[in-house]
């Protein structure tokens, strides 16, 4: 009758190790997403471009502060850099109007601009 105990214990250990491995993977994915999101916010701040929110222009630092605050508020709902861009940096929650950034090519949606920065970051 020792065989069932050994099998039961072995299955328990295997199941526990799966939970531990999954938990570690989730933590590192979360840390990685937070690192990339921090990088994206830094790129906004360092860009020295003009950002438009609800038809009012803001400096790059003001825009970075705003999306950082939105991120802190919605952090529990954000699992990836794409989520961050979509939830925090794409449009006004009040008016629904897209956030814009003035570049050498003209005004473009911040969602598209940050999406391109994310693609370039991942390509490195």
PDB file of N, CA and C in Angstrom:
ATOM      1  N   UNK A   1       0.796  -1.204   0.000  1.00  0.00           N
ATOM      2  CA  UNK A   1       0.000   0.000   0.000  1.00  0.00           C
ATOM      3  C   UNK A   1       0.840   1.270   0.000  1.00  0.00           C
ATOM      4  N   UNK A   2       2.143   1.152  -0.042  1.00  0.00           N
ATOM      5  CA  UNK A   2       2.993   2.329  -0.063  1.00  0.00           C
ATOM      6  C   UNK A   2       2.966   2.980  -1.440  1.00  0.00           C
ATOM      7  N   UNK A   3       2.690   2.235  -2.466  1.00  0.00           N
ATOM      8  CA  UNK A   3       2.694   2.762  -3.821  1.00  0.00           C
ATOM      9  C   UNK A   3       1.701   3.899  -3.998  1.00  0.00           C
ATOM     10  N   UNK A   4       0.445   3.808  -3.542  1.00  0.00           N
ATOM     11  CA  UNK A   4      -0.470   4.941  -3.690  1.00  0.00           C
ATOM     12  C   UNK A   4       0.018   6.191  -2.958  1.00  0.00           C
ATOM     13  N   UNK A   5       0.632   6.022  -1.780  1.00  0.00           N
ATOM     14  CA  UNK A   5       1.150   7.179  -1.046  1.00  0.00           C
ATOM     15  C   UNK A   5       2.265   7.850  -1.831  1.00  0.00           C
ATOM     16  N   UNK A   6       3.138   7.042  -2.417  1.00  0.00           N
ATOM     17  CA  UNK A   6       4.249   7.583  -3.206  1.00  0.00           C
ATOM     18  C   UNK A   6       3.707   8.324  -4.417  1.00  0.00           C
ATOM     19  N   UNK A   7       2.739   7.743  -5.088  1.00  0.00           N
ATOM     20  CA  UNK A   7       2.143   8.390  -6.268  1.00  0.00           C
ATOM     21  C   UNK A   7       1.452   9.681  -5.853  1.00  0.00           C
ATOM     22  N   UNK A   8       0.687   9.638  -4.760  1.00  0.00           N
ATOM     23  CA  UNK A   8      -0.017  10.817  -4.273  1.00  0.00           C
ATOM     24  C   UNK A   8       0.972  11.925  -3.915  1.00  0.00           C
ATOM     25  N   UNK A   9       2.015  11.590  -3.193  1.00  0.00           N
ATOM     26  CA  UNK A   9       3.029  12.581  -2.816  1.00  0.00           C
ATOM     27  C   UNK A   9       3.744  13.134  -4.040  1.00  0.00           C
ATOM     28  N   UNK A  10       4.058  12.261  -4.983  1.00  0.00           N
ATOM     29  CA  UNK A  10       4.732  12.702  -6.213  1.00  0.00           C
ATOM     30  C   UNK A  10       3.856  13.666  -7.002  1.00  0.00           C
ATOM     31  N   UNK A  11       2.574  13.345  -7.101  1.00  0.00           N
ATOM     32  CA  UNK A  11       1.649  14.242  -7.809  1.00  0.00           C
ATOM     33  C   UNK A  11       1.532  15.578  -7.078  1.00  0.00           C
ATOM     34  N   UNK A  12       1.496  15.537  -5.763  1.00  0.00           N
ATOM     35  CA  UNK A  12       1.432  16.767  -4.978  1.00  0.00           C
ATOM     36  C   UNK A  12       2.649  17.644  -5.210  1.00  0.00           C
ATOM     37  N   UNK A  13       3.826  17.034  -5.214  1.00  0.00           N
ATOM     38  CA  UNK A  13       5.063  17.784  -5.456  1.00  0.00           C
ATOM     39  C   UNK A  13       5.067  18.362  -6.862  1.00  0.00           C
ATOM     40  N   UNK A  14       4.643  17.569  -7.837  1.00  0.00           N
ATOM     41  CA  UNK A  14       4.586  18.039  -9.224  1.00  0.00           C
ATOM     42  C   UNK A  14       3.625  19.219  -9.355  1.00  0.00           C
ATOM     43  N   UNK A  15       2.454  19.103  -8.743  1.00  0.00           N
ATOM     44  CA  UNK A  15       1.468  20.176  -8.796  1.00  0.00           C
ATOM     45  C   UNK A  15       1.996  21.439  -8.123  1.00  0.00           C
ATOM     46  N   UNK A  16       2.624  21.297  -6.969  1.00  0.00           N
ATOM     47  CA  UNK A  16       3.202  22.439  -6.263  1.00  0.00           C
ATOM     48  C   UNK A  16       4.275  23.111  -7.102  1.00  0.00           C
ATOM     49  N   UNK A  17       5.132  22.312  -7.737  1.00  0.00           N
ATOM     50  CA  UNK A  17       6.193  22.914  -8.559  1.00  0.00           C
ATOM     51  C   UNK A  17       5.616  23.645  -9.769  1.00  0.00           C
ATOM     52  N   UNK A  18       4.505  23.155 -10.297  1.00  0.00           N
ATOM     53  CA  UNK A  18       3.851  23.865 -11.414  1.00  0.00           C
ATOM     54  C   UNK A  18       3.331  25.226 -10.960  1.00  0.00           C
ATOM     55  N   UNK A  19       2.714  25.282  -9.772  1.00  0.00           N
ATOM     56  CA  UNK A  19       2.216  26.550  -9.247  1.00  0.00           C
ATOM     57  C   UNK A  19       3.357  27.519  -8.995  1.00  0.00           C
ATOM     58  N   UNK A  20       4.446  27.028  -8.430  1.00  0.00           N
ATOM     59  CA  UNK A  20       5.599  27.884  -8.155  1.00  0.00           C
ATOM     60  C   UNK A  20       6.183  28.407  -9.458  1.00  0.00           C
ATOM     61  N   UNK A  21       6.361  27.534 -10.438  1.00  0.00           N
ATOM     62  CA  UNK A  21       6.925  27.956 -11.728  1.00  0.00           C
ATOM     63  C   UNK A  21       6.017  28.976 -12.398  1.00  0.00           C
ATOM     64  N   UNK A  22       4.706  28.749 -12.355  1.00  0.00           N
ATOM     65  CA  UNK A  22       3.768  29.687 -12.980  1.00  0.00           C
ATOM     66  C   UNK A  22       3.804  31.037 -12.262  1.00  0.00           C
ATOM     67  N   UNK A  23       3.882  31.030 -10.933  1.00  0.00           N
ATOM     68  CA  UNK A  23       3.943  32.264 -10.160  1.00  0.00           C
ATOM     69  C   UNK A  23       5.189  33.062 -10.477  1.00  0.00           C
ATOM     70  N   UNK A  24       6.322  32.406 -10.627  1.00  0.00           N
ATOM     71  CA  UNK A  24       7.573  33.085 -10.961  1.00  0.00           C
ATOM     72  C   UNK A  24       7.475  33.686 -12.352  1.00  0.00           C
ATOM     73  N   UNK A  25       6.916  32.930 -13.284  1.00  0.00           N
ATOM     74  CA  UNK A  25       6.766  33.439 -14.646  1.00  0.00           C
ATOM     75  C   UNK A  25       5.867  34.680 -14.656  1.00  0.00           C
ATOM     76  N   UNK A  26       4.772  34.643 -13.923  1.00  0.00           N
ATOM     77  CA  UNK A  26       3.858  35.771 -13.877  1.00  0.00           C
ATOM     78  C   UNK A  26       4.544  36.998 -13.269  1.00  0.00           C
ATOM     79  N   UNK A  27       5.309  36.797 -12.198  1.00  0.00           N
ATOM     80  CA  UNK A  27       6.021  37.917 -11.575  1.00  0.00           C
ATOM     81  C   UNK A  27       7.019  38.515 -12.545  1.00  0.00           C
ATOM     82  N   UNK A  28       7.782  37.676 -13.242  1.00  0.00           N
ATOM     83  CA  UNK A  28       8.765  38.253 -14.146  1.00  0.00           C
ATOM     84  C   UNK A  28       8.130  38.903 -15.358  1.00  0.00           C
ATOM     85  N   UNK A  29       7.013  38.372 -15.808  1.00  0.00           N
ATOM     86  CA  UNK A  29       6.311  39.034 -16.903  1.00  0.00           C
ATOM     87  C   UNK A  29       5.806  40.392 -16.450  1.00  0.00           C
ATOM     88  N   UNK A  30       5.297  40.470 -15.223  1.00  0.00           N
ATOM     89  CA  UNK A  30       4.785  41.730 -14.688  1.00  0.00           C
ATOM     90  C   UNK A  30       5.912  42.746 -14.546  1.00  0.00           C
ATOM     91  N   UNK A  31       7.056  42.286 -14.006  1.00  0.00           N
ATOM     92  CA  UNK A  31       8.206  43.178 -13.866  1.00  0.00           C
ATOM     93  C   UNK A  31       8.673  43.659 -15.230  1.00  0.00           C
ATOM     94  N   UNK A  32       8.671  42.775 -16.205  1.00  0.00           N
ATOM     95  CA  UNK A  32       9.088  43.142 -17.552  1.00  0.00           C
ATOM     96  C   UNK A  32       8.128  44.163 -18.154  1.00  0.00           C
ATOM     97  N   UNK A  33       6.824  43.942 -17.987  1.00  0.00           N
ATOM     98  CA  UNK A  33       5.833  44.894 -18.513  1.00  0.00           C
ATOM     99  C   UNK A  33       6.008  46.249 -17.840  1.00  0.00           C
ATOM    100  N   UNK A  34       6.218  46.260 -16.536  1.00  0.00           N
ATOM    101  CA  UNK A  34       6.410  47.529 -15.821  1.00  0.00           C
ATOM    102  C   UNK A  34       7.673  48.242 -16.293  1.00  0.00           C
ATOM    103  N   UNK A  35       8.709  47.472 -16.581  1.00  0.00           N
ATOM    104  CA  UNK A  35       9.959  48.062 -17.091  1.00  0.00           C
ATOM    105  C   UNK A  35       9.717  48.734 -18.445  1.00  0.00           C
ATOM    106  N   UNK A  36       9.032  48.038 -19.339  1.00  0.00           N
ATOM    107  CA  UNK A  36       8.755  48.583 -20.675  1.00  0.00           C
ATOM    108  C   UNK A  36       7.838  49.797 -20.573  1.00  0.00           C
ATOM    109  N   UNK A  37       6.843  49.745 -19.714  1.00  0.00           N
ATOM    110  CA  UNK A  37       5.933  50.878 -19.526  1.00  0.00           C
ATOM    111  C   UNK A  37       6.699  52.083 -18.996  1.00  0.00           C
ATOM    112  N   UNK A  38       7.595  51.861 -18.056  1.00  0.00           N
ATOM    113  CA  UNK A  38       8.454  52.936 -17.561  1.00  0.00           C
ATOM    114  C   UNK A  38       9.284  53.541 -18.679  1.00  0.00           C
ATOM    115  N   UNK A  39       9.800  52.680 -19.553  1.00  0.00           N
ATOM    116  CA  UNK A  39      10.572  53.145 -20.712  1.00  0.00           C
ATOM    117  C   UNK A  39       9.703  54.021 -21.616  1.00  0.00           C
ATOM    118  N   UNK A  40       8.475  53.591 -21.886  1.00  0.00           N
ATOM    119  CA  UNK A  40       7.576  54.360 -22.759  1.00  0.00           C
ATOM    120  C   UNK A  40       7.254  55.731 -22.160  1.00  0.00           C
ATOM    121  N   UNK A  41       6.993  55.760 -20.864  1.00  0.00           N
ATOM    122  CA  UNK A  41       6.715  57.045 -20.204  1.00  0.00           C
ATOM    123  C   UNK A  41       7.941  57.950 -20.287  1.00  0.00           C
ATOM    124  N   UNK A  42       9.127  57.378 -20.094  1.00  0.00           N
ATOM    125  CA  UNK A  42      10.368  58.160 -20.218  1.00  0.00           C
ATOM    126  C   UNK A  42      10.528  58.730 -21.626  1.00  0.00           C
ATOM    127  N   UNK A  43      10.135  57.956 -22.632  1.00  0.00           N
ATOM    128  CA  UNK A  43      10.254  58.435 -24.013  1.00  0.00           C
ATOM    129  C   UNK A  43       9.331  59.624 -24.261  1.00  0.00           C
ATOM    130  N   UNK A  44       8.156  59.598 -23.653  1.00  0.00           N
ATOM    131  CA  UNK A  44       7.253  60.747 -23.756  1.00  0.00           C
ATOM    132  C   UNK A  44       7.924  61.961 -23.117  1.00  0.00           C
ATOM    133  N   UNK A  45       8.424  61.788 -21.893  1.00  0.00           N
ATOM    134  CA  UNK A  45       9.030  62.904 -21.155  1.00  0.00           C
ATOM    135  C   UNK A  45      10.244  63.477 -21.872  1.00  0.00           C
ATOM    136  N   UNK A  46      11.068  62.619 -22.443  1.00  0.00           N
ATOM    137  CA  UNK A  46      12.326  63.039 -23.084  1.00  0.00           C
ATOM    138  C   UNK A  46      12.145  63.532 -24.515  1.00  0.00           C
ATOM    139  N   UNK A  47      10.957  63.382 -25.060  1.00  0.00           N
ATOM    140  CA  UNK A  47      10.739  63.689 -26.479  1.00  0.00           C
ATOM    141  C   UNK A  47      10.808  65.183 -26.791  1.00  0.00           C
ATOM    142  N   UNK A  48      10.489  66.041 -25.818  1.00  0.00           N
ATOM    143  CA  UNK A  48      10.427  67.500 -26.016  1.00  0.00           C
ATOM    144  C   UNK A  48       9.456  67.880 -27.136  1.00  0.00           C
ATOM    145  N   UNK A  49       8.432  67.034 -27.325  1.00  0.00           N
ATOM    146  CA  UNK A  49       7.388  67.317 -28.302  1.00  0.00           C
ATOM    147  C   UNK A  49       6.194  67.929 -27.582  1.00  0.00           C
ATOM    148  N   UNK A  50       5.263  68.439 -28.353  1.00  0.00           N
ATOM    149  CA  UNK A  50       4.045  69.017 -27.797  1.00  0.00           C
ATOM    150  C   UNK A  50       2.926  67.989 -27.921  1.00  0.00           C
ATOM    151  N   UNK A  51       2.210  67.784 -26.842  1.00  0.00           N
ATOM    152  CA  UNK A  51       1.120  66.816 -26.788  1.00  0.00           C
ATOM    153  C   UNK A  51      -0.192  67.558 -26.625  1.00  0.00           C
ATOM    154  N   UNK A  52      -1.218  67.074 -27.301  1.00  0.00           N
ATOM    155  CA  UNK A  52      -2.540  67.701 -27.243  1.00  0.00           C
ATOM    156  C   UNK A  52      -3.526  66.737 -26.605  1.00  0.00           C
ATOM    157  N   UNK A  53      -4.205  67.254 -25.567  1.00  0.00           N
ATOM    158  CA  UNK A  53      -5.245  66.489 -24.889  1.00  0.00           C
ATOM    159  C   UNK A  53      -6.449  67.407 -24.756  1.00  0.00           C
ATOM    160  N   UNK A  54      -7.566  66.980 -25.318  1.00  0.00           N
ATOM    161  CA  UNK A  54      -8.800  67.776 -25.286  1.00  0.00           C
ATOM    162  C   UNK A  54      -8.558  69.205 -25.783  1.00  0.00           C
ATOM    163  N   UNK A  55      -7.854  69.299 -26.895  1.00  0.00           N
ATOM    164  CA  UNK A  55      -7.582  70.549 -27.608  1.00  0.00           C
ATOM    165  C   UNK A  55      -6.695  71.532 -26.843  1.00  0.00           C
ATOM    166  N   UNK A  56      -6.048  71.067 -25.762  1.00  0.00           N
ATOM    167  CA  UNK A  56      -5.103  71.897 -25.022  1.00  0.00           C
ATOM    168  C   UNK A  56      -3.718  71.284 -25.176  1.00  0.00           C
ATOM    169  N   UNK A  57      -2.720  72.136 -25.432  1.00  0.00           N
ATOM    170  CA  UNK A  57      -1.361  71.641 -25.633  1.00  0.00           C
ATOM    171  C   UNK A  57      -0.613  71.545 -24.304  1.00  0.00           C
ATOM    172  N   UNK A  58       0.212  70.499 -24.205  1.00  0.00           N
ATOM    173  CA  UNK A  58       1.005  70.239 -23.001  1.00  0.00           C
ATOM    174  C   UNK A  58       2.435  69.908 -23.397  1.00  0.00           C
ATOM    175  N   UNK A  59       3.359  70.201 -22.483  1.00  0.00           N
ATOM    176  CA  UNK A  59       4.755  69.831 -22.709  1.00  0.00           C
ATOM    177  C   UNK A  59       4.900  68.313 -22.581  1.00  0.00           C
ATOM    178  N   UNK A  60       6.031  67.812 -23.028  1.00  0.00           N
ATOM    179  CA  UNK A  60       6.276  66.371 -22.942  1.00  0.00           C
ATOM    180  C   UNK A  60       6.289  65.917 -21.482  1.00  0.00           C
ATOM    181  N   UNK A  61       6.818  66.730 -20.590  1.00  0.00           N
ATOM    182  CA  UNK A  61       6.851  66.355 -19.177  1.00  0.00           C
ATOM    183  C   UNK A  61       5.444  66.330 -18.587  1.00  0.00           C
ATOM    184  N   UNK A  62       4.620  67.300 -18.948  1.00  0.00           N
ATOM    185  CA  UNK A  62       3.228  67.315 -18.465  1.00  0.00           C
ATOM    186  C   UNK A  62       2.464  66.101 -18.996  1.00  0.00           C
ATOM    187  N   UNK A  63       2.704  65.762 -20.256  1.00  0.00           N
ATOM    188  CA  UNK A  63       2.039  64.598 -20.845  1.00  0.00           C
ATOM    189  C   UNK A  63       2.489  63.320 -20.142  1.00  0.00           C
ATOM    190  N   UNK A  64       3.796  63.203 -19.882  1.00  0.00           N
ATOM    191  CA  UNK A  64       4.327  62.028 -19.191  1.00  0.00           C
ATOM    192  C   UNK A  64       3.725  61.918 -17.789  1.00  0.00           C
ATOM    193  N   UNK A  65       3.632  63.032 -17.092  1.00  0.00           N
ATOM    194  CA  UNK A  65       3.044  63.023 -15.747  1.00  0.00           C
ATOM    195  C   UNK A  65       1.591  62.560 -15.794  1.00  0.00           C
ATOM    196  N   UNK A  66       0.865  63.034 -16.785  1.00  0.00           N
ATOM    197  CA  UNK A  66      -0.551  62.675 -16.918  1.00  0.00           C
ATOM    198  C   UNK A  66      -0.719  61.177 -17.179  1.00  0.00           C
ATOM    199  N   UNK A  67       0.021  60.638 -18.139  1.00  0.00           N
ATOM    200  CA  UNK A  67      -0.158  59.208 -18.444  1.00  0.00           C
ATOM    201  C   UNK A  67       0.416  58.332 -17.323  1.00  0.00           C
ATOM    202  N   UNK A  68       1.416  58.815 -16.616  1.00  0.00           N
ATOM    203  CA  UNK A  68       1.941  58.077 -15.448  1.00  0.00           C
ATOM    204  C   UNK A  68       0.856  58.006 -14.369  1.00  0.00           C
ATOM    205  N   UNK A  69       0.164  59.114 -14.137  1.00  0.00           N
ATOM    206  CA  UNK A  69      -0.924  59.121 -13.150  1.00  0.00           C
ATOM    207  C   UNK A  69      -2.055  58.191 -13.565  1.00  0.00           C
ATOM    208  N   UNK A  70      -2.381  58.191 -14.855  1.00  0.00           N
ATOM    209  CA  UNK A  70      -3.416  57.278 -15.345  1.00  0.00           C
ATOM    210  C   UNK A  70      -2.976  55.835 -15.159  1.00  0.00           C
ATOM    211  N   UNK A  71      -1.707  55.577 -15.432  1.00  0.00           N
ATOM    212  CA  UNK A  71      -1.173  54.224 -15.253  1.00  0.00           C
ATOM    213  C   UNK A  71      -1.292  53.787 -13.794  1.00  0.00           C
ATOM    214  N   UNK A  72      -0.910  54.651 -12.873  1.00  0.00           N
ATOM    215  CA  UNK A  72      -1.004  54.302 -11.456  1.00  0.00           C
ATOM    216  C   UNK A  72      -2.452  53.993 -11.068  1.00  0.00           C
ATOM    217  N   UNK A  73      -3.386  54.742 -11.628  1.00  0.00           N
ATOM    218  CA  UNK A  73      -4.804  54.525 -11.326  1.00  0.00           C
ATOM    219  C   UNK A  73      -5.309  53.199 -11.899  1.00  0.00           C
ATOM    220  N   UNK A  74      -4.907  52.864 -13.136  1.00  0.00           N
ATOM    221  CA  UNK A  74      -5.409  51.675 -13.826  1.00  0.00           C
ATOM    222  C   UNK A  74      -4.457  50.484 -13.766  1.00  0.00           C
ATOM    223  N   UNK A  75      -3.389  50.591 -13.002  1.00  0.00           N
ATOM    224  CA  UNK A  75      -2.329  49.580 -12.972  1.00  0.00           C
ATOM    225  C   UNK A  75      -2.848  48.155 -12.798  1.00  0.00           C
ATOM    226  N   UNK A  76      -3.827  47.958 -11.963  1.00  0.00           N
ATOM    227  CA  UNK A  76      -4.326  46.603 -11.702  1.00  0.00           C
ATOM    228  C   UNK A  76      -5.003  45.980 -12.923  1.00  0.00           C
ATOM    229  N   UNK A  77      -5.391  46.788 -13.872  1.00  0.00           N
ATOM    230  CA  UNK A  77      -6.069  46.292 -15.085  1.00  0.00           C
ATOM    231  C   UNK A  77      -5.106  46.117 -16.259  1.00  0.00           C
ATOM    232  N   UNK A  78      -3.874  46.556 -16.091  1.00  0.00           N
ATOM    233  CA  UNK A  78      -2.932  46.565 -17.205  1.00  0.00           C
ATOM    234  C   UNK A  78      -1.957  45.408 -17.076  1.00  0.00           C
ATOM    235  N   UNK A  79      -1.928  44.566 -18.113  1.00  0.00           N
ATOM    236  CA  UNK A  79      -1.063  43.391 -18.096  1.00  0.00           C
ATOM    237  C   UNK A  79       0.083  43.479 -19.084  1.00  0.00           C
ATOM    238  N   UNK A  80       0.030  44.431 -20.000  1.00  0.00           N
ATOM    239  CA  UNK A  80       1.058  44.496 -21.035  1.00  0.00           C
ATOM    240  C   UNK A  80       1.290  45.947 -21.450  1.00  0.00           C
ATOM    241  N   UNK A  81       2.398  46.208 -22.139  1.00  0.00           N
ATOM    242  CA  UNK A  81       2.625  47.558 -22.660  1.00  0.00           C
ATOM    243  C   UNK A  81       1.523  47.995 -23.632  1.00  0.00           C
ATOM    244  N   UNK A  82       0.985  47.045 -24.382  1.00  0.00           N
ATOM    245  CA  UNK A  82      -0.111  47.375 -25.301  1.00  0.00           C
ATOM    246  C   UNK A  82      -1.345  47.838 -24.524  1.00  0.00           C
ATOM    247  N   UNK A  83      -1.634  47.152 -23.417  1.00  0.00           N
ATOM    248  CA  UNK A  83      -2.745  47.582 -22.556  1.00  0.00           C
ATOM    249  C   UNK A  83      -2.500  49.003 -22.062  1.00  0.00           C
ATOM    250  N   UNK A  84      -1.264  49.265 -21.618  1.00  0.00           N
ATOM    251  CA  UNK A  84      -0.905  50.596 -21.124  1.00  0.00           C
ATOM    252  C   UNK A  84      -1.172  51.654 -22.189  1.00  0.00           C
ATOM    253  N   UNK A  85      -0.683  51.404 -23.405  1.00  0.00           N
ATOM    254  CA  UNK A  85      -0.867  52.378 -24.484  1.00  0.00           C
ATOM    255  C   UNK A  85      -2.351  52.606 -24.737  1.00  0.00           C
ATOM    256  N   UNK A  86      -3.102  51.516 -24.819  1.00  0.00           N
ATOM    257  CA  UNK A  86      -4.530  51.637 -25.130  1.00  0.00           C
ATOM    258  C   UNK A  86      -5.315  52.331 -24.013  1.00  0.00           C
ATOM    259  N   UNK A  87      -5.032  51.980 -22.768  1.00  0.00           N
ATOM    260  CA  UNK A  87      -5.815  52.516 -21.647  1.00  0.00           C
ATOM    261  C   UNK A  87      -5.344  53.905 -21.216  1.00  0.00           C
ATOM    262  N   UNK A  88      -4.027  54.114 -21.175  1.00  0.00           N
ATOM    263  CA  UNK A  88      -3.482  55.328 -20.553  1.00  0.00           C
ATOM    264  C   UNK A  88      -3.009  56.393 -21.532  1.00  0.00           C
ATOM    265  N   UNK A  89      -2.689  56.024 -22.748  1.00  0.00           N
ATOM    266  CA  UNK A  89      -2.034  56.982 -23.640  1.00  0.00           C
ATOM    267  C   UNK A  89      -2.731  57.164 -24.976  1.00  0.00           C
ATOM    268  N   UNK A  90      -3.958  56.687 -25.094  1.00  0.00           N
ATOM    269  CA  UNK A  90      -4.596  56.772 -26.407  1.00  0.00           C
ATOM    270  C   UNK A  90      -5.658  57.871 -26.521  1.00  0.00           C
ATOM    271  N   UNK A  91      -6.445  58.050 -25.442  1.00  0.00           N
ATOM    272  CA  UNK A  91      -7.536  59.022 -25.555  1.00  0.00           C
ATOM    273  C   UNK A  91      -7.975  59.503 -24.182  1.00  0.00           C
ATOM    274  N   UNK A  92      -8.706  60.593 -24.200  1.00  0.00           N
ATOM    275  CA  UNK A  92      -9.278  61.161 -22.984  1.00  0.00           C
ATOM    276  C   UNK A  92     -10.474  60.323 -22.549  1.00  0.00           C
ATOM    277  N   UNK A  93     -10.504  59.993 -21.290  1.00  0.00           N
ATOM    278  CA  UNK A  93     -11.664  59.267 -20.773  1.00  0.00           C
ATOM    279  C   UNK A  93     -12.877  60.178 -20.659  1.00  0.00           C
ATOM    280  N   UNK A  94     -12.640  61.477 -20.516  1.00  0.00           N
ATOM    281  CA  UNK A  94     -13.741  62.430 -20.380  1.00  0.00           C
ATOM    282  C   UNK A  94     -14.431  62.700 -21.715  1.00  0.00           C
ATOM    283  N   UNK A  95     -13.631  63.005 -22.743  1.00  0.00           N
ATOM    284  CA  UNK A  95     -14.213  63.400 -24.025  1.00  0.00           C
ATOM    285  C   UNK A  95     -14.194  62.290 -25.069  1.00  0.00           C
ATOM    286  N   UNK A  96     -13.335  61.309 -24.880  1.00  0.00           N
ATOM    287  CA  UNK A  96     -13.177  60.251 -25.882  1.00  0.00           C
ATOM    288  C   UNK A  96     -12.272  60.649 -27.037  1.00  0.00           C
ATOM    289  N   UNK A  97     -11.765  61.898 -27.015  1.00  0.00           N
ATOM    290  CA  UNK A  97     -10.903  62.376 -28.095  1.00  0.00           C
ATOM    291  C   UNK A  97      -9.505  61.778 -27.955  1.00  0.00           C
ATOM    292  N   UNK A  98      -8.889  61.437 -29.097  1.00  0.00           N
ATOM    293  CA  UNK A  98      -7.543  60.855 -29.035  1.00  0.00           C
ATOM    294  C   UNK A  98      -6.506  61.878 -28.573  1.00  0.00           C
ATOM    295  N   UNK A  99      -5.487  61.395 -27.868  1.00  0.00           N
ATOM    296  CA  UNK A  99      -4.335  62.222 -27.540  1.00  0.00           C
ATOM    297  C   UNK A  99      -3.501  62.332 -28.805  1.00  0.00           C
ATOM    298  N   UNK A 100      -2.947  63.513 -29.045  1.00  0.00           N
ATOM    299  CA  UNK A 100      -2.129  63.744 -30.235  1.00  0.00           C
ATOM    300  C   UNK A 100      -0.748  64.227 -29.826  1.00  0.00           C
ATOM    301  N   UNK A 101       0.225  63.990 -30.700  1.00  0.00           N
ATOM    302  CA  UNK A 101       1.579  64.493 -30.497  1.00  0.00           C
ATOM    303  C   UNK A 101       2.004  65.185 -31.785  1.00  0.00           C
ATOM    304  N   UNK A 102       2.632  66.343 -31.650  1.00  0.00           N
ATOM    305  CA  UNK A 102       3.109  67.101 -32.811  1.00  0.00           C
ATOM    306  C   UNK A 102       4.535  66.671 -33.119  1.00  0.00           C
ATOM    307  N   UNK A 103       4.709  66.057 -34.290  1.00  0.00           N
ATOM    308  CA  UNK A 103       6.026  65.602 -34.730  1.00  0.00           C
ATOM    309  C   UNK A 103       6.422  66.371 -35.987  1.00  0.00           C
ATOM    310  N   UNK A 104       7.586  66.081 -36.497  1.00  0.00           N
ATOM    311  CA  UNK A 104       8.041  66.710 -37.738  1.00  0.00           C
ATOM    312  C   UNK A 104       7.105  66.359 -38.898  1.00  0.00           C
ATOM    313  N   UNK A 105       6.414  65.227 -38.791  1.00  0.00           N
ATOM    314  CA  UNK A 105       5.468  64.795 -39.835  1.00  0.00           C
ATOM    315  C   UNK A 105       4.066  65.347 -39.612  1.00  0.00           C
ATOM    316  N   UNK A 106       3.884  66.114 -38.558  1.00  0.00           N
ATOM    317  CA  UNK A 106       2.567  66.662 -38.240  1.00  0.00           C
ATOM    318  C   UNK A 106       2.005  66.002 -36.994  1.00  0.00           C
ATOM    319  N   UNK A 107       0.742  66.288 -36.698  1.00  0.00           N
ATOM    320  CA  UNK A 107       0.104  65.705 -35.521  1.00  0.00           C
ATOM    321  C   UNK A 107      -0.326  64.275 -35.823  1.00  0.00           C
ATOM    322  N   UNK A 108       0.041  63.383 -34.912  1.00  0.00           N
ATOM    323  CA  UNK A 108      -0.389  61.984 -35.038  1.00  0.00           C
ATOM    324  C   UNK A 108      -0.898  61.515 -33.679  1.00  0.00           C
ATOM    325  N   UNK A 109      -1.647  60.437 -33.693  1.00  0.00           N
ATOM    326  CA  UNK A 109      -2.176  59.880 -32.454  1.00  0.00           C
ATOM    327  C   UNK A 109      -1.032  59.367 -31.582  1.00  0.00           C
ATOM    328  N   UNK A 110      -1.088  59.679 -30.300  1.00  0.00           N
ATOM    329  CA  UNK A 110      -0.071  59.207 -29.363  1.00  0.00           C
ATOM    330  C   UNK A 110      -0.062  57.677 -29.346  1.00  0.00           C
ATOM    331  N   UNK A 111      -1.215  57.065 -29.487  1.00  0.00           N
ATOM    332  CA  UNK A 111      -1.308  55.605 -29.510  1.00  0.00           C
ATOM    333  C   UNK A 111      -0.432  55.029 -30.627  1.00  0.00           C
ATOM    334  N   UNK A 112      -0.501  55.634 -31.798  1.00  0.00           N
ATOM    335  CA  UNK A 112       0.310  55.174 -32.933  1.00  0.00           C
ATOM    336  C   UNK A 112       1.795  55.481 -32.682  1.00  0.00           C
ATOM    337  N   UNK A 113       2.093  56.666 -32.193  1.00  0.00           N
ATOM    338  CA  UNK A 113       3.469  57.094 -31.939  1.00  0.00           C
ATOM    339  C   UNK A 113       4.139  56.196 -30.908  1.00  0.00           C
ATOM    340  N   UNK A 114       3.461  55.942 -29.778  1.00  0.00           N
ATOM    341  CA  UNK A 114       4.027  55.065 -28.759  1.00  0.00           C
ATOM    342  C   UNK A 114       4.082  53.613 -29.225  1.00  0.00           C
ATOM    343  N   UNK A 115       3.117  53.213 -30.035  1.00  0.00           N
ATOM    344  CA  UNK A 115       3.149  51.862 -30.610  1.00  0.00           C
ATOM    345  C   UNK A 115       4.401  51.640 -31.438  1.00  0.00           C
ATOM    346  N   UNK A 116       4.784  52.665 -32.202  1.00  0.00           N
ATOM    347  CA  UNK A 116       6.001  52.584 -33.011  1.00  0.00           C
ATOM    348  C   UNK A 116       7.245  52.535 -32.117  1.00  0.00           C
ATOM    349  N   UNK A 117       7.266  53.304 -31.059  1.00  0.00           N
ATOM    350  CA  UNK A 117       8.387  53.276 -30.106  1.00  0.00           C
ATOM    351  C   UNK A 117       8.494  51.885 -29.477  1.00  0.00           C
ATOM    352  N   UNK A 118       7.358  51.277 -29.156  1.00  0.00           N
ATOM    353  CA  UNK A 118       7.353  49.935 -28.584  1.00  0.00           C
ATOM    354  C   UNK A 118       7.921  48.917 -29.569  1.00  0.00           C
ATOM    355  N   UNK A 119       7.529  49.026 -30.838  1.00  0.00           N
ATOM    356  CA  UNK A 119       8.051  48.119 -31.867  1.00  0.00           C
ATOM    357  C   UNK A 119       9.569  48.267 -31.976  1.00  0.00           C
ATOM    358  N   UNK A 120      10.051  49.494 -31.992  1.00  0.00           N
ATOM    359  CA  UNK A 120      11.494  49.744 -32.086  1.00  0.00           C
ATOM    360  C   UNK A 120      12.204  49.206 -30.850  1.00  0.00           C
ATOM    361  N   UNK A 121      11.628  49.396 -29.679  1.00  0.00           N
ATOM    362  CA  UNK A 121      12.227  48.904 -28.440  1.00  0.00           C
ATOM    363  C   UNK A 121      12.381  47.389 -28.483  1.00  0.00           C
ATOM    364  N   UNK A 122      11.345  46.710 -28.911  1.00  0.00           N
ATOM    365  CA  UNK A 122      11.363  45.236 -28.968  1.00  0.00           C
ATOM    366  C   UNK A 122      12.303  44.719 -30.053  1.00  0.00           C
ATOM    367  N   UNK A 123      12.559  45.555 -31.046  1.00  0.00           N
ATOM    368  CA  UNK A 123      13.461  45.160 -32.122  1.00  0.00           C
ATOM    369  C   UNK A 123      14.923  45.220 -31.734  1.00  0.00           C
ATOM    370  N   UNK A 124      15.210  45.872 -30.616  1.00  0.00           N
ATOM    371  CA  UNK A 124      16.596  46.009 -30.166  1.00  0.00           C
ATOM    372  C   UNK A 124      17.130  44.726 -29.594  1.00  0.00           C
TER     373      UNK A 124
END
